[in-house]
Protein backbone atom coordinates (compact mmCIF):
# COMPACT_ATOMS: atom_id res chain seq x y z
CA MET A 1 -210.60 125.52 4.20
CA LYS A 2 -207.22 126.47 4.50
CA THR A 3 -204.94 123.52 3.74
CA GLY A 4 -201.38 124.91 3.19
CA LEU A 5 -201.20 123.78 -0.32
CA THR A 6 -200.86 125.89 -3.35
CA LYS A 7 -203.75 125.95 -6.08
CA ARG A 8 -201.02 124.15 -8.29
CA GLN A 9 -200.72 121.15 -5.68
CA LYS A 10 -204.44 120.85 -5.40
CA THR A 11 -204.69 118.41 -8.04
CA THR A 12 -207.38 115.83 -9.51
CA CYS A 13 -205.98 112.51 -10.47
CA ILE A 14 -207.97 109.79 -12.12
CA TYR A 15 -206.50 106.14 -12.07
CA PHE A 16 -207.56 103.20 -13.70
CA ASP A 17 -206.39 100.26 -15.98
CA GLU A 18 -207.75 98.02 -18.75
CA SER A 19 -208.31 95.26 -16.17
CA SER A 20 -209.66 97.18 -13.31
CA LYS A 21 -213.53 97.22 -12.85
CA THR A 22 -212.94 100.52 -10.63
CA VAL A 23 -211.87 103.72 -11.12
CA GLU A 24 -209.90 105.67 -8.40
CA ILE A 25 -210.58 109.70 -8.20
CA GLN A 26 -208.50 111.55 -6.00
CA THR A 27 -209.27 115.26 -5.75
CA HIS A 28 -209.18 118.55 -3.93
CA ASN A 29 -211.79 120.12 -6.13
CA THR A 30 -214.63 121.34 -4.05
CA ALA A 31 -217.19 120.81 -6.77
CA LEU A 32 -216.28 117.39 -7.76
CA LYS A 33 -215.87 116.09 -4.07
CA LYS A 34 -219.41 117.16 -3.47
CA ARG A 35 -220.75 115.22 -6.66
CA LEU A 36 -218.78 112.16 -5.63
CA ALA A 37 -219.89 112.47 -2.03
CA GLN A 38 -223.41 112.79 -3.11
CA TYR A 39 -223.28 110.12 -5.52
CA ALA A 40 -221.60 107.69 -2.85
CA ALA A 41 -224.36 108.37 -0.49
CA LYS A 42 -227.01 107.64 -3.14
CA HIS A 43 -225.41 104.50 -4.95
CA PRO A 44 -223.02 102.88 -2.21
CA ASP A 45 -222.81 99.69 -4.33
CA LEU A 46 -221.14 101.99 -7.05
CA CYS A 47 -219.11 104.54 -5.19
CA ARG A 48 -217.31 104.90 -2.16
CA GLN A 49 -214.89 107.25 -0.32
CA THR A 50 -211.78 105.60 0.43
CA ASP A 51 -209.54 108.17 1.82
CA ASP A 52 -209.40 111.61 3.38
CA ASP A 53 -205.71 112.85 3.14
CA GLU A 54 -206.64 115.54 5.99
CA GLN A 55 -205.48 118.48 3.64
CA GLY A 56 -208.74 119.10 1.87
CA GLY A 57 -208.31 115.77 -0.75
CA LEU A 58 -210.82 113.16 -0.92
CA THR A 59 -210.27 110.03 -2.83
CA PHE A 60 -213.16 107.74 -4.14
CA GLU A 61 -213.65 104.61 -5.93
CA ILE A 62 -216.15 104.32 -8.60
CA ASP A 63 -217.57 101.43 -10.79
CA ARG A 64 -215.86 101.73 -14.23
CA ARG A 65 -218.93 101.63 -15.87
CA ARG A 66 -220.15 104.45 -14.23
CA PHE A 67 -217.34 106.84 -15.07
CA ALA A 68 -217.07 108.56 -18.25
CA VAL A 69 -214.95 111.55 -19.86
CA ARG A 70 -216.95 113.99 -21.89
CA LEU A 71 -215.39 116.14 -24.60
CA THR A 72 -217.51 118.96 -26.09
CA ALA A 73 -216.36 120.87 -29.10
CA PRO A 74 -216.47 124.51 -29.06
CA TYR A 75 -219.55 126.50 -30.29
CA SER A 76 -219.39 127.96 -33.90
CA ASP A 77 -220.05 131.81 -33.80
CA GLU A 78 -223.61 130.94 -35.47
CA ARG A 79 -224.59 128.57 -32.59
CA ARG A 80 -222.94 131.11 -29.83
CA GLN A 81 -225.31 133.82 -31.36
CA ALA A 82 -228.27 131.63 -31.42
CA ALA A 83 -227.98 130.29 -27.84
CA SER A 84 -227.62 134.12 -26.84
CA GLU A 85 -230.70 135.15 -28.49
CA LEU A 86 -232.48 132.40 -26.90
CA ALA A 87 -231.38 133.14 -23.47
CA LYS A 88 -232.29 136.82 -24.01
CA GLY A 89 -235.66 135.76 -25.16
CA ASN A 90 -236.03 133.62 -22.20
CA THR A 91 -235.02 136.21 -19.74
CA ASN A 92 -237.42 138.64 -21.28
CA ARG A 93 -240.28 136.19 -20.76
CA LEU A 94 -239.46 135.44 -17.25
CA ARG A 95 -239.34 139.28 -16.42
CA ASN A 96 -242.73 139.70 -18.26
CA ALA A 97 -244.30 136.80 -16.15
CA LYS A 98 -243.56 138.46 -12.86
């Protein structure tokens, strides 16, 4: 969808305060919009779309208890190597099964 906005202008903003029971998420990110829309359709009591800015951005309101921020530590070289070997083994197993 052409919006006339630059990539820098296509932001995702998350708003909440300590007293509110909801989190407001305004985003232009396609994958996040799809995930939120699917969640809202499946759980309308917990999440709903509240706005469409007509430039590709959607705003959702979600129950604060359902919202989380997940930070992941970077893989160590050893863990990355082990994951690579595991993936290679699984790929070879799948090829041989065909």
